Protein backbone atom coordinates (compact mmCIF):
# COMPACT_ATOMS: atom_id res chain seq x y z
CA UNK A 1 -0.01 -0.02 -0.02
CA UNK A 2 1.14 3.49 -0.79
CA UNK A 3 -0.85 5.22 2.01
CA UNK A 4 -0.62 4.03 5.48
CA UNK A 5 -3.86 3.97 7.45
CA UNK A 6 -4.24 6.83 10.02
CA UNK A 7 -5.34 6.01 13.46
CA UNK A 8 -6.85 8.35 15.92
CA UNK A 9 -4.69 9.28 18.86
CA UNK A 10 -5.89 8.58 22.37
CA UNK A 11 -8.03 11.45 23.12
CA UNK A 12 -7.47 13.11 26.56
CA UNK A 13 -10.77 13.75 28.35
CA UNK A 14 -10.84 17.34 29.51
CA UNK A 15 -11.25 17.91 33.20
CA UNK A 16 -15.04 18.55 33.98
CA UNK A 17 -14.26 21.50 36.33
CA UNK A 18 -12.21 23.25 33.64
CA UNK A 19 -15.22 22.96 31.24
CA UNK A 20 -17.54 24.70 33.78
CA UNK A 21 -14.92 27.33 34.87
CA UNK A 22 -15.92 29.98 32.24
CA UNK A 23 -19.57 29.77 33.41
CA UNK A 24 -18.49 30.02 37.05
CA UNK A 25 -16.37 33.09 36.26
CA UNK A 26 -19.22 34.68 34.18
CA UNK A 27 -21.70 34.21 37.12
CA UNK A 28 -19.29 35.68 39.69
CA UNK A 29 -18.78 38.78 37.39
CA UNK A 30 -22.53 39.18 37.05
CA UNK A 31 -22.99 38.78 40.77
CA UNK A 32 -20.45 41.58 41.67
CA UNK A 33 -21.37 43.93 38.77
CA UNK A 34 -25.20 43.50 38.60
CA UNK A 35 -26.83 41.51 41.31
CA UNK A 36 -25.00 42.93 44.40
CA UNK A 37 -25.37 46.53 43.72
CA UNK A 38 -29.11 46.19 42.71
CA UNK A 39 -29.78 44.33 46.10
CA UNK A 40 -27.91 47.23 47.87
CA UNK A 41 -29.98 49.81 45.98
CA UNK A 42 -33.29 48.06 46.92
CA UNK A 43 -32.23 47.80 50.55
CA UNK A 44 -31.33 51.55 50.64
CA UNK A 45 -34.66 52.50 49.03
CA UNK A 46 -36.56 50.28 51.40
CA UNK A 47 -34.99 51.76 54.43
CA UNK A 48 -35.64 55.28 53.21
CA UNK A 49 -39.29 54.57 52.59
CA UNK A 50 -39.59 53.15 56.12
CA UNK A 51 -37.89 56.15 57.68
CA UNK A 52 -40.34 58.68 56.28
CA UNK A 53 -41.56 61.18 58.82
CA UNK A 54 -44.30 63.87 58.96
CA UNK A 55 -42.96 67.03 57.47
CA UNK A 56 -40.46 65.46 55.06
CA UNK A 57 -40.23 66.88 51.55
CA UNK A 58 -40.26 64.16 48.92
CA UNK A 59 -40.48 63.43 45.31
CA UNK A 60 -42.41 60.56 43.87
CA UNK A 61 -41.78 58.18 40.98
CA UNK A 62 -44.18 60.23 38.90
CA UNK A 63 -42.27 63.34 39.65
CA UNK A 64 -44.75 64.86 42.12
CA UNK A 65 -43.13 67.12 44.87
CA UNK A 66 -44.74 67.45 48.20
CA UNK A 67 -44.53 67.52 51.88
CA UNK A 68 -45.70 64.61 53.88
CA UNK A 69 -48.81 65.33 55.90
CA UNK A 70 -49.96 61.89 57.16
CA UNK A 71 -48.30 58.50 57.21
CA UNK A 72 -50.15 55.28 57.30
CA UNK A 73 -48.67 51.61 57.01
CA UNK A 74 -48.85 51.63 53.23
CA UNK A 75 -49.96 55.07 52.23
CA UNK A 76 -48.68 58.73 52.67
CA UNK A 77 -50.58 61.91 52.15
CA UNK A 78 -48.72 64.83 50.57
CA UNK A 79 -49.46 68.37 50.52
CA UNK A 80 -48.59 69.33 46.94
CA UNK A 81 -49.22 73.08 47.34
CA UNK A 82 -52.21 75.34 47.83
CA UNK A 83 -53.65 73.12 50.46
CA UNK A 84 -54.19 70.24 47.96
CA UNK A 85 -53.47 66.87 49.38
CA UNK A 86 -52.83 63.65 47.48
CA UNK A 87 -52.69 60.07 48.59
CA UNK A 88 -49.68 57.93 47.39
CA UNK A 89 -48.37 54.46 48.19
CA UNK A 90 -45.12 54.45 50.17
CA UNK A 91 -43.48 52.58 47.19
CA UNK A 92 -44.02 55.60 44.96
CA UNK A 93 -41.44 57.52 46.99
CA UNK A 94 -38.26 58.03 44.96
CA UNK A 95 -36.24 60.43 47.14
CA UNK A 96 -36.39 62.48 50.30
CA UNK A 97 -35.39 66.06 49.52
CA UNK A 98 -33.37 68.48 51.94
CA UNK A 99 -35.58 70.74 54.04
CA UNK A 100 -36.63 73.88 52.19
CA UNK A 101 -36.32 72.57 48.71
CA UNK A 102 -39.97 73.16 47.90
CA UNK A 103 -39.78 76.85 48.97
CA UNK A 104 -36.68 77.36 46.67
CA UNK A 105 -38.57 76.16 43.62
């Protein structure tokens, strides 16, 4: 024969841990860059909403500015100017503003 038969070399099996290593690294990166900061923001938002007090000046998710008049377990009442009061859920509160912000506007 002019051409010798080719035989396959013994295939070395890759280590199973090394095959999952890229997935593990990607999960760790996602945890530290996406999941952990999001959990911290949610925790800070929840503590801010729980610490609301009467007289705080806040801004809601819809952009409504007002001063807290009444606080219930799930709802707050805002004075939005001119004696007009509106009822909002506590979850709608985006930020607590420094005192005197509404007067400056």
